[in-house]
Amino acid sequence: MLDGKVSQTILRLPEVKSCTGLSRSTIYARIALGTFPKPVGLGGRAVGWLATEVQDWLTHCIQASRKMVG
């Protein structure tokens, strides 16, 4: 934390692909459908995703999967 503020971690595409198991095209298709967090512009053509939003999405997927099974 810096000066009492919560710091945000930005994940770049290779990290998002790694932690979700999704391909680039699937990530962007789900963004277009509104079912995956939108990236944050970092300047120029660079984008990244908030780690907290990706983690929340993963948690939601896990919970939905567990409800379907049980």
N, C-alpha and C. Protein backbone atom coordinates (compact mmCIF):
# COMPACT_ATOMS: atom_id res chain seq x y z
N MET A 1 0.83 -1.18 0.00
CA MET A 1 0.00 0.00 0.00
C MET A 1 0.88 1.24 0.00
N LEU A 2 0.40 2.24 -0.70
CA LEU A 2 1.13 3.49 -0.77
C LEU A 2 0.28 4.59 -0.15
N ASP A 3 0.79 5.25 0.87
CA ASP A 3 0.08 6.36 1.51
C ASP A 3 -1.33 5.97 1.94
N GLY A 4 -1.54 4.75 2.41
CA GLY A 4 -2.84 4.32 2.87
C GLY A 4 -3.83 3.96 1.77
N LYS A 5 -3.41 4.03 0.51
CA LYS A 5 -4.29 3.69 -0.60
C LYS A 5 -4.05 2.25 -1.02
N VAL A 6 -5.12 1.59 -1.45
CA VAL A 6 -4.99 0.22 -1.93
C VAL A 6 -4.37 0.26 -3.32
N SER A 7 -3.34 -0.51 -3.51
CA SER A 7 -2.70 -0.54 -4.83
C SER A 7 -3.43 -1.54 -5.71
N GLN A 8 -3.45 -1.27 -6.98
CA GLN A 8 -4.08 -2.14 -7.97
C GLN A 8 -3.00 -2.84 -8.77
N THR A 9 -3.19 -4.12 -9.00
CA THR A 9 -2.26 -4.87 -9.83
C THR A 9 -2.88 -5.02 -11.21
N ILE A 10 -2.10 -4.71 -12.21
CA ILE A 10 -2.53 -4.84 -13.59
C ILE A 10 -1.91 -6.09 -14.19
N LEU A 11 -2.75 -6.93 -14.79
CA LEU A 11 -2.29 -8.13 -15.48
C LEU A 11 -2.29 -7.87 -16.97
N ARG A 12 -1.21 -8.23 -17.64
CA ARG A 12 -1.16 -8.13 -19.09
C ARG A 12 -1.73 -9.42 -19.68
N LEU A 13 -1.98 -9.43 -20.98
CA LEU A 13 -2.65 -10.55 -21.63
C LEU A 13 -2.02 -11.92 -21.35
N PRO A 14 -0.71 -12.08 -21.43
CA PRO A 14 -0.15 -13.42 -21.15
C PRO A 14 -0.48 -13.91 -19.74
N GLU A 15 -0.53 -13.01 -18.77
CA GLU A 15 -0.87 -13.39 -17.40
C GLU A 15 -2.35 -13.76 -17.29
N VAL A 16 -3.21 -13.00 -17.99
CA VAL A 16 -4.64 -13.30 -17.97
C VAL A 16 -4.89 -14.66 -18.62
N LYS A 17 -4.24 -14.91 -19.74
CA LYS A 17 -4.38 -16.20 -20.41
C LYS A 17 -3.93 -17.34 -19.49
N SER A 18 -2.83 -17.12 -18.81
CA SER A 18 -2.29 -18.15 -17.93
C SER A 18 -3.21 -18.46 -16.76
N CYS A 19 -3.73 -17.43 -16.10
CA CYS A 19 -4.54 -17.69 -14.91
C CYS A 19 -5.97 -18.12 -15.24
N THR A 20 -6.47 -17.81 -16.45
CA THR A 20 -7.83 -18.22 -16.80
C THR A 20 -7.87 -19.49 -17.63
N GLY A 21 -6.79 -19.78 -18.34
CA GLY A 21 -6.78 -20.92 -19.24
C GLY A 21 -7.48 -20.64 -20.56
N LEU A 22 -7.85 -19.38 -20.79
CA LEU A 22 -8.54 -18.99 -22.02
C LEU A 22 -7.55 -18.48 -23.06
N SER A 23 -7.92 -18.61 -24.32
CA SER A 23 -7.09 -18.07 -25.40
C SER A 23 -7.40 -16.59 -25.58
N ARG A 24 -6.54 -15.91 -26.32
CA ARG A 24 -6.73 -14.49 -26.60
C ARG A 24 -8.08 -14.25 -27.27
N SER A 25 -8.39 -15.06 -28.28
CA SER A 25 -9.64 -14.84 -29.01
C SER A 25 -10.86 -15.08 -28.13
N THR A 26 -10.79 -16.04 -27.24
CA THR A 26 -11.91 -16.30 -26.33
C THR A 26 -12.08 -15.16 -25.34
N ILE A 27 -10.98 -14.63 -24.83
CA ILE A 27 -11.05 -13.50 -23.90
C ILE A 27 -11.74 -12.32 -24.57
N TYR A 28 -11.31 -11.97 -25.78
CA TYR A 28 -11.90 -10.82 -26.47
C TYR A 28 -13.34 -11.09 -26.90
N ALA A 29 -13.67 -12.33 -27.24
CA ALA A 29 -15.06 -12.67 -27.57
C ALA A 29 -15.95 -12.51 -26.35
N ARG A 30 -15.47 -12.93 -25.19
CA ARG A 30 -16.26 -12.80 -23.96
C ARG A 30 -16.38 -11.34 -23.53
N ILE A 31 -15.36 -10.55 -23.78
CA ILE A 31 -15.45 -9.10 -23.49
C ILE A 31 -16.57 -8.51 -24.35
N ALA A 32 -16.60 -8.88 -25.64
CA ALA A 32 -17.63 -8.37 -26.56
C ALA A 32 -19.03 -8.79 -26.11
N LEU A 33 -19.15 -9.97 -25.51
CA LEU A 33 -20.44 -10.45 -25.01
C LEU A 33 -20.80 -9.86 -23.64
N GLY A 34 -19.81 -9.22 -23.02
CA GLY A 34 -20.04 -8.65 -21.69
C GLY A 34 -19.92 -9.65 -20.56
N THR A 35 -19.26 -10.78 -20.84
CA THR A 35 -19.12 -11.82 -19.82
C THR A 35 -17.70 -11.94 -19.26
N PHE A 36 -16.84 -11.02 -19.62
CA PHE A 36 -15.47 -11.00 -19.09
C PHE A 36 -15.10 -9.54 -18.84
N PRO A 37 -14.31 -9.27 -17.80
CA PRO A 37 -13.94 -7.88 -17.49
C PRO A 37 -13.27 -7.17 -18.66
N LYS A 38 -13.61 -5.90 -18.83
CA LYS A 38 -12.99 -5.08 -19.87
C LYS A 38 -11.58 -4.68 -19.45
N PRO A 39 -10.69 -4.59 -20.42
CA PRO A 39 -9.32 -4.16 -20.09
C PRO A 39 -9.26 -2.65 -19.82
N VAL A 40 -8.19 -2.26 -19.18
CA VAL A 40 -7.91 -0.86 -18.87
C VAL A 40 -6.83 -0.39 -19.84
N GLY A 41 -7.05 0.74 -20.48
CA GLY A 41 -6.04 1.30 -21.37
C GLY A 41 -4.84 1.79 -20.57
N LEU A 42 -3.66 1.42 -21.03
CA LEU A 42 -2.42 1.80 -20.34
C LEU A 42 -1.61 2.82 -21.12
N GLY A 43 -2.11 3.20 -22.27
CA GLY A 43 -1.39 4.15 -23.11
C GLY A 43 -1.00 3.49 -24.41
N GLY A 44 -1.13 4.23 -25.49
CA GLY A 44 -0.85 3.65 -26.79
C GLY A 44 -1.82 2.50 -27.05
N ARG A 45 -1.29 1.38 -27.46
CA ARG A 45 -2.13 0.21 -27.70
C ARG A 45 -2.08 -0.78 -26.55
N ALA A 46 -1.38 -0.45 -25.49
CA ALA A 46 -1.22 -1.36 -24.35
C ALA A 46 -2.47 -1.36 -23.48
N VAL A 47 -2.89 -2.56 -23.11
CA VAL A 47 -4.01 -2.73 -22.19
C VAL A 47 -3.64 -3.75 -21.13
N GLY A 48 -4.39 -3.72 -20.05
CA GLY A 48 -4.21 -4.69 -18.98
C GLY A 48 -5.52 -4.85 -18.25
N TRP A 49 -5.59 -5.84 -17.40
CA TRP A 49 -6.80 -6.12 -16.64
C TRP A 49 -6.49 -5.98 -15.16
N LEU A 50 -7.46 -5.46 -14.41
CA LEU A 50 -7.30 -5.40 -12.96
C LEU A 50 -7.32 -6.81 -12.41
N ALA A 51 -6.31 -7.16 -11.64
CA ALA A 51 -6.21 -8.50 -11.08
C ALA A 51 -7.44 -8.84 -10.25
N THR A 52 -7.97 -7.87 -9.52
CA THR A 52 -9.14 -8.11 -8.68
C THR A 52 -10.36 -8.46 -9.53
N GLU A 53 -10.52 -7.82 -10.67
CA GLU A 53 -11.66 -8.13 -11.54
C GLU A 53 -11.54 -9.51 -12.17
N VAL A 54 -10.33 -9.88 -12.57
CA VAL A 54 -10.12 -11.22 -13.13
C VAL A 54 -10.35 -12.27 -12.05
N GLN A 55 -9.86 -12.02 -10.84
CA GLN A 55 -10.07 -12.96 -9.75
C GLN A 55 -11.54 -13.10 -9.40
N ASP A 56 -12.27 -11.99 -9.39
CA ASP A 56 -13.72 -12.04 -9.13
C ASP A 56 -14.43 -12.84 -10.21
N TRP A 57 -14.02 -12.67 -11.46
CA TRP A 57 -14.61 -13.43 -12.57
C TRP A 57 -14.35 -14.93 -12.38
N LEU A 58 -13.12 -15.27 -12.02
CA LEU A 58 -12.77 -16.69 -11.78
C LEU A 58 -13.61 -17.26 -10.63
N THR A 59 -13.74 -16.51 -9.56
CA THR A 59 -14.54 -16.95 -8.41
C THR A 59 -15.98 -17.19 -8.83
N HIS A 60 -16.54 -16.27 -9.62
CA HIS A 60 -17.90 -16.43 -10.11
C HIS A 60 -18.04 -17.70 -10.95
N CYS A 61 -17.07 -17.96 -11.84
CA CYS A 61 -17.10 -19.16 -12.68
C CYS A 61 -17.06 -20.42 -11.83
N ILE A 62 -16.22 -20.43 -10.82
CA ILE A 62 -16.11 -21.59 -9.93
C ILE A 62 -17.42 -21.81 -9.19
N GLN A 63 -17.99 -20.74 -8.64
CA GLN A 63 -19.24 -20.87 -7.91
C GLN A 63 -20.37 -21.34 -8.81
N ALA A 64 -20.45 -20.81 -10.02
CA ALA A 64 -21.49 -21.23 -10.96
C ALA A 64 -21.31 -22.70 -11.34
N SER A 65 -20.07 -23.13 -11.52
CA SER A 65 -19.78 -24.51 -11.85
C SER A 65 -20.19 -25.45 -10.72
N ARG A 66 -19.91 -25.04 -9.50
CA ARG A 66 -20.25 -25.88 -8.34
C ARG A 66 -21.76 -25.99 -8.16
N LYS A 67 -22.50 -24.92 -8.44
CA LYS A 67 -23.96 -24.95 -8.32
C LYS A 67 -24.58 -25.88 -9.36
N MET A 68 -23.99 -25.89 -10.57
CA MET A 68 -24.52 -26.75 -11.63
C MET A 68 -24.31 -28.22 -11.30
N VAL A 69 -23.18 -28.55 -10.68
CA VAL A 69 -22.84 -29.93 -10.36
C VAL A 69 -23.65 -30.41 -9.17
N GLY A 70 -23.75 -29.59 -8.14
CA GLY A 70 -24.39 -30.01 -6.90
C GLY A 70 -25.79 -29.58 -6.86
